[in-house]
Amino acid sequence: PSRINHLFQLALQRLPSPEERAELAELYEQMHERFENNPDEAATLVKIGQASTEGTSPTELAAWTATARVVLNLHEFITRS
């Protein structure tokens, strides 16, 4: 939950509602399971960009990347001034 709070603060300048936090936590868990079962897919995703994978498993980084993409594609993020 603290990473989800941090993600929301950085992207939207607010904390998530309890419902938003629960949905994103569930999404993260689904993505983590998906990438755990498909390590090649996780490795491909984390090769994109400049994030350091040092100290973080590719599975975890890929799951957080997928979760962050959802927040960055919210209407609230795209259209805020």
PDB file of N, CA and C in Angstrom:
ATOM      1  N   PRO A   1       0.796  -1.216   0.000  1.00  0.00           N
ATOM      2  CA  PRO A   1       0.000   0.000   0.000  1.00  0.00           C
ATOM      3  C   PRO A   1       0.833   1.273   0.000  1.00  0.00           C
ATOM      4  N   SER A   2       2.013   1.267   0.623  1.00  0.00           N
ATOM      5  CA  SER A   2       2.800   2.493   0.648  1.00  0.00           C
ATOM      6  C   SER A   2       3.308   2.849  -0.742  1.00  0.00           C
ATOM      7  N   ARG A   3       3.637   1.873  -1.551  1.00  0.00           N
ATOM      8  CA  ARG A   3       4.068   2.170  -2.924  1.00  0.00           C
ATOM      9  C   ARG A   3       2.902   2.703  -3.749  1.00  0.00           C
ATOM     10  N   ILE A   4       1.729   2.180  -3.517  1.00  0.00           N
ATOM     11  CA  ILE A   4       0.552   2.670  -4.233  1.00  0.00           C
ATOM     12  C   ILE A   4       0.275   4.112  -3.820  1.00  0.00           C
ATOM     13  N   ASN A   5       0.381   4.413  -2.533  1.00  0.00           N
ATOM     14  CA  ASN A   5       0.215   5.786  -2.072  1.00  0.00           C
ATOM     15  C   ASN A   5       1.248   6.699  -2.728  1.00  0.00           C
ATOM     16  N   HIS A   6       2.485   6.251  -2.759  1.00  0.00           N
ATOM     17  CA  HIS A   6       3.560   7.042  -3.359  1.00  0.00           C
ATOM     18  C   HIS A   6       3.306   7.265  -4.851  1.00  0.00           C
ATOM     19  N   LEU A   7       2.885   6.241  -5.543  1.00  0.00           N
ATOM     20  CA  LEU A   7       2.559   6.342  -6.963  1.00  0.00           C
ATOM     21  C   LEU A   7       1.479   7.394  -7.191  1.00  0.00           C
ATOM     22  N   PHE A   8       0.421   7.335  -6.401  1.00  0.00           N
ATOM     23  CA  PHE A   8      -0.661   8.312  -6.535  1.00  0.00           C
ATOM     24  C   PHE A   8      -0.178   9.719  -6.219  1.00  0.00           C
ATOM     25  N   GLN A   9       0.625   9.873  -5.183  1.00  0.00           N
ATOM     26  CA  GLN A   9       1.129  11.196  -4.825  1.00  0.00           C
ATOM     27  C   GLN A   9       1.972  11.777  -5.961  1.00  0.00           C
ATOM     28  N   LEU A  10       2.834  10.976  -6.545  1.00  0.00           N
ATOM     29  CA  LEU A  10       3.674  11.461  -7.635  1.00  0.00           C
ATOM     30  C   LEU A  10       2.865  11.803  -8.885  1.00  0.00           C
ATOM     31  N   ALA A  11       1.927  10.953  -9.222  1.00  0.00           N
ATOM     32  CA  ALA A  11       1.190  11.126 -10.479  1.00  0.00           C
ATOM     33  C   ALA A  11       0.005  12.075 -10.354  1.00  0.00           C
ATOM     34  N   LEU A  12      -0.712  11.997  -9.243  1.00  0.00           N
ATOM     35  CA  LEU A  12      -1.986  12.711  -9.144  1.00  0.00           C
ATOM     36  C   LEU A  12      -2.046  13.736  -8.021  1.00  0.00           C
ATOM     37  N   GLN A  13      -0.973  13.838  -7.250  1.00  0.00           N
ATOM     38  CA  GLN A  13      -0.907  14.775  -6.129  1.00  0.00           C
ATOM     39  C   GLN A  13      -2.002  14.559  -5.098  1.00  0.00           C
ATOM     40  N   ARG A  14      -2.373  13.303  -4.902  1.00  0.00           N
ATOM     41  CA  ARG A  14      -3.357  12.952  -3.883  1.00  0.00           C
ATOM     42  C   ARG A  14      -3.178  11.491  -3.510  1.00  0.00           C
ATOM     43  N   LEU A  15      -3.778  11.127  -2.403  1.00  0.00           N
ATOM     44  CA  LEU A  15      -3.773   9.719  -1.999  1.00  0.00           C
ATOM     45  C   LEU A  15      -4.926   8.999  -2.687  1.00  0.00           C
ATOM     46  N   PRO A  16      -4.775   7.712  -2.925  1.00  0.00           N
ATOM     47  CA  PRO A  16      -5.884   6.954  -3.512  1.00  0.00           C
ATOM     48  C   PRO A  16      -6.985   6.732  -2.489  1.00  0.00           C
ATOM     49  N   SER A  17      -8.190   6.595  -2.985  1.00  0.00           N
ATOM     50  CA  SER A  17      -9.289   6.221  -2.100  1.00  0.00           C
ATOM     51  C   SER A  17      -9.072   4.757  -1.689  1.00  0.00           C
ATOM     52  N   PRO A  18      -9.747   4.313  -0.658  1.00  0.00           N
ATOM     53  CA  PRO A  18      -9.612   2.895  -0.277  1.00  0.00           C
ATOM     54  C   PRO A  18      -9.957   1.949  -1.434  1.00  0.00           C
ATOM     55  N   GLU A  19     -10.954   2.311  -2.226  1.00  0.00           N
ATOM     56  CA  GLU A  19     -11.339   1.467  -3.366  1.00  0.00           C
ATOM     57  C   GLU A  19     -10.238   1.446  -4.428  1.00  0.00           C
ATOM     58  N   GLU A  20      -9.680   2.612  -4.726  1.00  0.00           N
ATOM     59  CA  GLU A  20      -8.599   2.688  -5.720  1.00  0.00           C
ATOM     60  C   GLU A  20      -7.391   1.893  -5.245  1.00  0.00           C
ATOM     61  N   ARG A  21      -7.046   2.036  -3.963  1.00  0.00           N
ATOM     62  CA  ARG A  21      -5.905   1.317  -3.411  1.00  0.00           C
ATOM     63  C   ARG A  21      -6.128  -0.190  -3.511  1.00  0.00           C
ATOM     64  N   ALA A  22      -7.328  -0.634  -3.178  1.00  0.00           N
ATOM     65  CA  ALA A  22      -7.630  -2.071  -3.227  1.00  0.00           C
ATOM     66  C   ALA A  22      -7.561  -2.602  -4.657  1.00  0.00           C
ATOM     67  N   GLU A  23      -8.106  -1.840  -5.607  1.00  0.00           N
ATOM     68  CA  GLU A  23      -8.068  -2.267  -7.006  1.00  0.00           C
ATOM     69  C   GLU A  23      -6.641  -2.339  -7.530  1.00  0.00           C
ATOM     70  N   LEU A  24      -5.828  -1.346  -7.203  1.00  0.00           N
ATOM     71  CA  LEU A  24      -4.446  -1.369  -7.671  1.00  0.00           C
ATOM     72  C   LEU A  24      -3.643  -2.469  -6.989  1.00  0.00           C
ATOM     73  N   ALA A  25      -3.899  -2.723  -5.721  1.00  0.00           N
ATOM     74  CA  ALA A  25      -3.215  -3.818  -5.030  1.00  0.00           C
ATOM     75  C   ALA A  25      -3.569  -5.152  -5.684  1.00  0.00           C
ATOM     76  N   GLU A  26      -4.839  -5.313  -6.033  1.00  0.00           N
ATOM     77  CA  GLU A  26      -5.262  -6.541  -6.720  1.00  0.00           C
ATOM     78  C   GLU A  26      -4.612  -6.645  -8.099  1.00  0.00           C
ATOM     79  N   LEU A  27      -4.574  -5.531  -8.818  1.00  0.00           N
ATOM     80  CA  LEU A  27      -3.918  -5.526 -10.130  1.00  0.00           C
ATOM     81  C   LEU A  27      -2.451  -5.900  -9.998  1.00  0.00           C
ATOM     82  N   TYR A  28      -1.773  -5.300  -9.017  1.00  0.00           N
ATOM     83  CA  TYR A  28      -0.367  -5.635  -8.811  1.00  0.00           C
ATOM     84  C   TYR A  28      -0.186  -7.131  -8.571  1.00  0.00           C
ATOM     85  N   GLU A  29      -1.013  -7.709  -7.727  1.00  0.00           N
ATOM     86  CA  GLU A  29      -0.917  -9.144  -7.436  1.00  0.00           C
ATOM     87  C   GLU A  29      -1.142  -9.982  -8.694  1.00  0.00           C
ATOM     88  N   GLN A  30      -2.108  -9.591  -9.510  1.00  0.00           N
ATOM     89  CA  GLN A  30      -2.370 -10.305 -10.768  1.00  0.00           C
ATOM     90  C   GLN A  30      -1.172 -10.200 -11.708  1.00  0.00           C
ATOM     91  N   MET A  31      -0.621  -9.002 -11.811  1.00  0.00           N
ATOM     92  CA  MET A  31       0.533  -8.798 -12.699  1.00  0.00           C
ATOM     93  C   MET A  31       1.750  -9.546 -12.179  1.00  0.00           C
ATOM     94  N   HIS A  32       1.938  -9.557 -10.870  1.00  0.00           N
ATOM     95  CA  HIS A  32       3.069 -10.271 -10.286  1.00  0.00           C
ATOM     96  C   HIS A  32       2.961 -11.762 -10.606  1.00  0.00           C
ATOM     97  N   GLU A  33       1.777 -12.302 -10.445  1.00  0.00           N
ATOM     98  CA  GLU A  33       1.565 -13.724 -10.760  1.00  0.00           C
ATOM     99  C   GLU A  33       1.804 -13.986 -12.243  1.00  0.00           C
ATOM    100  N   ARG A  34       1.280 -13.089 -13.090  1.00  0.00           N
ATOM    101  CA  ARG A  34       1.464 -13.249 -14.544  1.00  0.00           C
ATOM    102  C   ARG A  34       2.943 -13.278 -14.902  1.00  0.00           C
ATOM    103  N   PHE A  35       3.711 -12.324 -14.387  1.00  0.00           N
ATOM    104  CA  PHE A  35       5.126 -12.253 -14.732  1.00  0.00           C
ATOM    105  C   PHE A  35       5.945 -13.350 -14.062  1.00  0.00           C
ATOM    106  N   GLU A  36       5.488 -13.815 -12.913  1.00  0.00           N
ATOM    107  CA  GLU A  36       6.152 -14.934 -12.261  1.00  0.00           C
ATOM    108  C   GLU A  36       6.009 -16.202 -13.102  1.00  0.00           C
ATOM    109  N   ASN A  37       4.848 -16.340 -13.745  1.00  0.00           N
ATOM    110  CA  ASN A  37       4.602 -17.497 -14.607  1.00  0.00           C
ATOM    111  C   ASN A  37       5.180 -17.324 -16.009  1.00  0.00           C
ATOM    112  N   ASN A  38       5.576 -16.092 -16.350  1.00  0.00           N
ATOM    113  CA  ASN A  38       6.139 -15.792 -17.674  1.00  0.00           C
ATOM    114  C   ASN A  38       7.393 -14.934 -17.510  1.00  0.00           C
ATOM    115  N   PRO A  39       8.474 -15.499 -16.986  1.00  0.00           N
ATOM    116  CA  PRO A  39       9.672 -14.705 -16.710  1.00  0.00           C
ATOM    117  C   PRO A  39      10.285 -14.058 -17.950  1.00  0.00           C
ATOM    118  N   ASP A  40      10.123 -14.674 -19.115  1.00  0.00           N
ATOM    119  CA  ASP A  40      10.649 -14.065 -20.338  1.00  0.00           C
ATOM    120  C   ASP A  40       9.915 -12.770 -20.658  1.00  0.00           C
ATOM    121  N   GLU A  41       8.609 -12.765 -20.414  1.00  0.00           N
ATOM    122  CA  GLU A  41       7.811 -11.560 -20.641  1.00  0.00           C
ATOM    123  C   GLU A  41       8.250 -10.449 -19.674  1.00  0.00           C
ATOM    124  N   ALA A  42       8.509 -10.806 -18.437  1.00  0.00           N
ATOM    125  CA  ALA A  42       8.986  -9.830 -17.453  1.00  0.00           C
ATOM    126  C   ALA A  42      10.341  -9.278 -17.865  1.00  0.00           C
ATOM    127  N   ALA A  43      11.241 -10.151 -18.297  1.00  0.00           N
ATOM    128  CA  ALA A  43      12.578  -9.714 -18.706  1.00  0.00           C
ATOM    129  C   ALA A  43      12.514  -8.774 -19.909  1.00  0.00           C
ATOM    130  N   THR A  44      11.619  -9.061 -20.836  1.00  0.00           N
ATOM    131  CA  THR A  44      11.455  -8.193 -22.002  1.00  0.00           C
ATOM    132  C   THR A  44      10.957  -6.823 -21.589  1.00  0.00           C
ATOM    133  N   LEU A  45       9.998  -6.779 -20.685  1.00  0.00           N
ATOM    134  CA  LEU A  45       9.440  -5.507 -20.245  1.00  0.00           C
ATOM    135  C   LEU A  45      10.472  -4.669 -19.508  1.00  0.00           C
ATOM    136  N   VAL A  46      11.245  -5.257 -18.622  1.00  0.00           N
ATOM    137  CA  VAL A  46      12.181  -4.460 -17.832  1.00  0.00           C
ATOM    138  C   VAL A  46      13.403  -4.012 -18.623  1.00  0.00           C
ATOM    139  N   LYS A  47      13.604  -4.545 -19.811  1.00  0.00           N
ATOM    140  CA  LYS A  47      14.694  -4.073 -20.668  1.00  0.00           C
ATOM    141  C   LYS A  47      14.389  -2.700 -21.262  1.00  0.00           C
ATOM    142  N   ILE A  48      13.098  -2.334 -21.282  1.00  0.00           N
ATOM    143  CA  ILE A  48      12.671  -1.056 -21.834  1.00  0.00           C
ATOM    144  C   ILE A  48      12.933   0.028 -20.793  1.00  0.00           C
ATOM    145  N   GLY A  49      13.461   1.152 -21.214  1.00  0.00           N
ATOM    146  CA  GLY A  49      13.670   2.271 -20.304  1.00  0.00           C
ATOM    147  C   GLY A  49      15.004   2.216 -19.609  1.00  0.00           C
ATOM    148  N   GLN A  50      15.104   2.997 -18.543  1.00  0.00           N
ATOM    149  CA  GLN A  50      16.383   3.168 -17.871  1.00  0.00           C
ATOM    150  C   GLN A  50      16.359   2.728 -16.415  1.00  0.00           C
ATOM    151  N   ALA A  51      15.342   2.038 -15.994  1.00  0.00           N
ATOM    152  CA  ALA A  51      15.251   1.615 -14.594  1.00  0.00           C
ATOM    153  C   ALA A  51      16.337   0.593 -14.282  1.00  0.00           C
ATOM    154  N   SER A  52      16.916   0.737 -13.135  1.00  0.00           N
ATOM    155  CA  SER A  52      17.902  -0.225 -12.672  1.00  0.00           C
ATOM    156  C   SER A  52      17.174  -1.426 -12.079  1.00  0.00           C
ATOM    157  N   THR A  53      17.593  -2.599 -12.457  1.00  0.00           N
ATOM    158  CA  THR A  53      16.986  -3.806 -11.902  1.00  0.00           C
ATOM    159  C   THR A  53      17.784  -4.320 -10.715  1.00  0.00           C
ATOM    160  N   GLU A  54      18.823  -3.603 -10.341  1.00  0.00           N
ATOM    161  CA  GLU A  54      19.669  -4.020  -9.238  1.00  0.00           C
ATOM    162  C   GLU A  54      18.871  -4.039  -7.936  1.00  0.00           C
ATOM    163  N   GLY A  55      18.855  -5.175  -7.267  1.00  0.00           N
ATOM    164  CA  GLY A  55      18.152  -5.295  -5.996  1.00  0.00           C
ATOM    165  C   GLY A  55      16.664  -5.564  -6.126  1.00  0.00           C
ATOM    166  N   THR A  56      16.150  -5.608  -7.339  1.00  0.00           N
ATOM    167  CA  THR A  56      14.725  -5.863  -7.567  1.00  0.00           C
ATOM    168  C   THR A  56      14.602  -6.974  -8.600  1.00  0.00           C
ATOM    169  N   SER A  57      13.726  -7.900  -8.350  1.00  0.00           N
ATOM    170  CA  SER A  57      13.547  -8.984  -9.315  1.00  0.00           C
ATOM    171  C   SER A  57      12.835  -8.444 -10.559  1.00  0.00           C
ATOM    172  N   PRO A  58      13.139  -8.989 -11.718  1.00  0.00           N
ATOM    173  CA  PRO A  58      12.426  -8.574 -12.934  1.00  0.00           C
ATOM    174  C   PRO A  58      10.922  -8.752 -12.812  1.00  0.00           C
ATOM    175  N   THR A  59      10.502  -9.787 -12.090  1.00  0.00           N
ATOM    176  CA  THR A  59       9.069 -10.027 -11.893  1.00  0.00           C
ATOM    177  C   THR A  59       8.422  -8.870 -11.140  1.00  0.00           C
ATOM    178  N   GLU A  60       9.039  -8.449 -10.052  1.00  0.00           N
ATOM    179  CA  GLU A  60       8.486  -7.352  -9.254  1.00  0.00           C
ATOM    180  C   GLU A  60       8.505  -6.044 -10.036  1.00  0.00           C
ATOM    181  N   LEU A  61       9.609  -5.765 -10.706  1.00  0.00           N
ATOM    182  CA  LEU A  61       9.710  -4.530 -11.473  1.00  0.00           C
ATOM    183  C   LEU A  61       8.680  -4.501 -12.605  1.00  0.00           C
ATOM    184  N   ALA A  62       8.501  -5.610 -13.287  1.00  0.00           N
ATOM    185  CA  ALA A  62       7.510  -5.679 -14.372  1.00  0.00           C
ATOM    186  C   ALA A  62       6.097  -5.495 -13.823  1.00  0.00           C
ATOM    187  N   ALA A  63       5.798  -6.080 -12.678  1.00  0.00           N
ATOM    188  CA  ALA A  63       4.465  -5.935 -12.079  1.00  0.00           C
ATOM    189  C   ALA A  63       4.208  -4.491 -11.677  1.00  0.00           C
ATOM    190  N   TRP A  64       5.206  -3.819 -11.101  1.00  0.00           N
ATOM    191  CA  TRP A  64       5.025  -2.411 -10.744  1.00  0.00           C
ATOM    192  C   TRP A  64       4.943  -1.525 -11.976  1.00  0.00           C
ATOM    193  N   THR A  65       5.673  -1.875 -13.022  1.00  0.00           N
ATOM    194  CA  THR A  65       5.592  -1.109 -14.272  1.00  0.00           C
ATOM    195  C   THR A  65       4.183  -1.189 -14.845  1.00  0.00           C
ATOM    196  N   ALA A  66       3.615  -2.373 -14.881  1.00  0.00           N
ATOM    197  CA  ALA A  66       2.254  -2.545 -15.393  1.00  0.00           C
ATOM    198  C   ALA A  66       1.246  -1.782 -14.537  1.00  0.00           C
ATOM    199  N   THR A  67       1.444  -1.802 -13.225  1.00  0.00           N
ATOM    200  CA  THR A  67       0.542  -1.094 -12.319  1.00  0.00           C
ATOM    201  C   THR A  67       0.661   0.417 -12.520  1.00  0.00           C
ATOM    202  N   ALA A  68       1.871   0.912 -12.635  1.00  0.00           N
ATOM    203  CA  ALA A  68       2.085   2.346 -12.847  1.00  0.00           C
ATOM    204  C   ALA A  68       1.498   2.810 -14.179  1.00  0.00           C
ATOM    205  N   ARG A  69       1.573   1.973 -15.183  1.00  0.00           N
ATOM    206  CA  ARG A  69       1.000   2.337 -16.488  1.00  0.00           C
ATOM    207  C   ARG A  69      -0.496   2.612 -16.385  1.00  0.00           C
ATOM    208  N   VAL A  70      -1.177   1.867 -15.537  1.00  0.00           N
ATOM    209  CA  VAL A  70      -2.615   2.085 -15.348  1.00  0.00           C
ATOM    210  C   VAL A  70      -2.854   3.480 -14.786  1.00  0.00           C
ATOM    211  N   VAL A  71      -2.103   3.851 -13.769  1.00  0.00           N
ATOM    212  CA  VAL A  71      -2.272   5.174 -13.165  1.00  0.00           C
ATOM    213  C   VAL A  71      -1.915   6.269 -14.169  1.00  0.00           C
ATOM    214  N   LEU A  72      -0.854   6.068 -14.926  1.00  0.00           N
ATOM    215  CA  LEU A  72      -0.427   7.080 -15.895  1.00  0.00           C
ATOM    216  C   LEU A  72      -1.382   7.203 -17.083  1.00  0.00           C
ATOM    217  N   ASN A  73      -2.267   6.263 -17.239  1.00  0.00           N
ATOM    218  CA  ASN A  73      -3.262   6.333 -18.300  1.00  0.00           C
ATOM    219  C   ASN A  73      -4.635   6.771 -17.802  1.00  0.00           C
ATOM    220  N   LEU A  74      -4.733   7.122 -16.535  1.00  0.00           N
ATOM    221  CA  LEU A  74      -6.001   7.628 -16.013  1.00  0.00           C
ATOM    222  C   LEU A  74      -6.316   8.986 -16.621  1.00  0.00           C
ATOM    223  N   HIS A  75      -7.570   9.238 -16.876  1.00  0.00           N
ATOM    224  CA  HIS A  75      -8.008  10.530 -17.407  1.00  0.00           C
ATOM    225  C   HIS A  75      -7.519  11.661 -16.491  1.00  0.00           C
ATOM    226  N   GLU A  76      -7.577  11.430 -15.206  1.00  0.00           N
ATOM    227  CA  GLU A  76      -7.163  12.434 -14.227  1.00  0.00           C
ATOM    228  C   GLU A  76      -5.698  12.823 -14.404  1.00  0.00           C
ATOM    229  N   PHE A  77      -4.848  11.872 -14.752  1.00  0.00           N
ATOM    230  CA  PHE A  77      -3.428  12.170 -14.957  1.00  0.00           C
ATOM    231  C   PHE A  77      -3.217  12.888 -16.281  1.00  0.00           C
ATOM    232  N   ILE A  78      -3.873  12.414 -17.314  1.00  0.00           N
ATOM    233  CA  ILE A  78      -3.649  12.948 -18.659  1.00  0.00           C
ATOM    234  C   ILE A  78      -4.154  14.385 -18.789  1.00  0.00           C
ATOM    235  N   THR A  79      -5.267  14.711 -18.143  1.00  0.00           N
ATOM    236  CA  THR A  79      -5.877  16.009 -18.366  1.00  0.00           C
ATOM    237  C   THR A  79      -5.664  17.023 -17.244  1.00  0.00           C
ATOM    238  N   ARG A  80      -4.997  16.644 -16.187  1.00  0.00           N
ATOM    239  CA  ARG A  80      -4.838  17.620 -15.095  1.00  0.00           C
ATOM    240  C   ARG A  80      -3.926  18.759 -15.542  1.00  0.00           C
ATOM    241  N   SER A  81      -4.169  19.912 -14.973  1.00  0.00           N
ATOM    242  CA  SER A  81      -3.353  21.072 -15.380  1.00  0.00           C
ATOM    243  C   SER A  81      -2.296  21.393 -14.368  1.00  0.00           C
TER     244      SER A  81
END
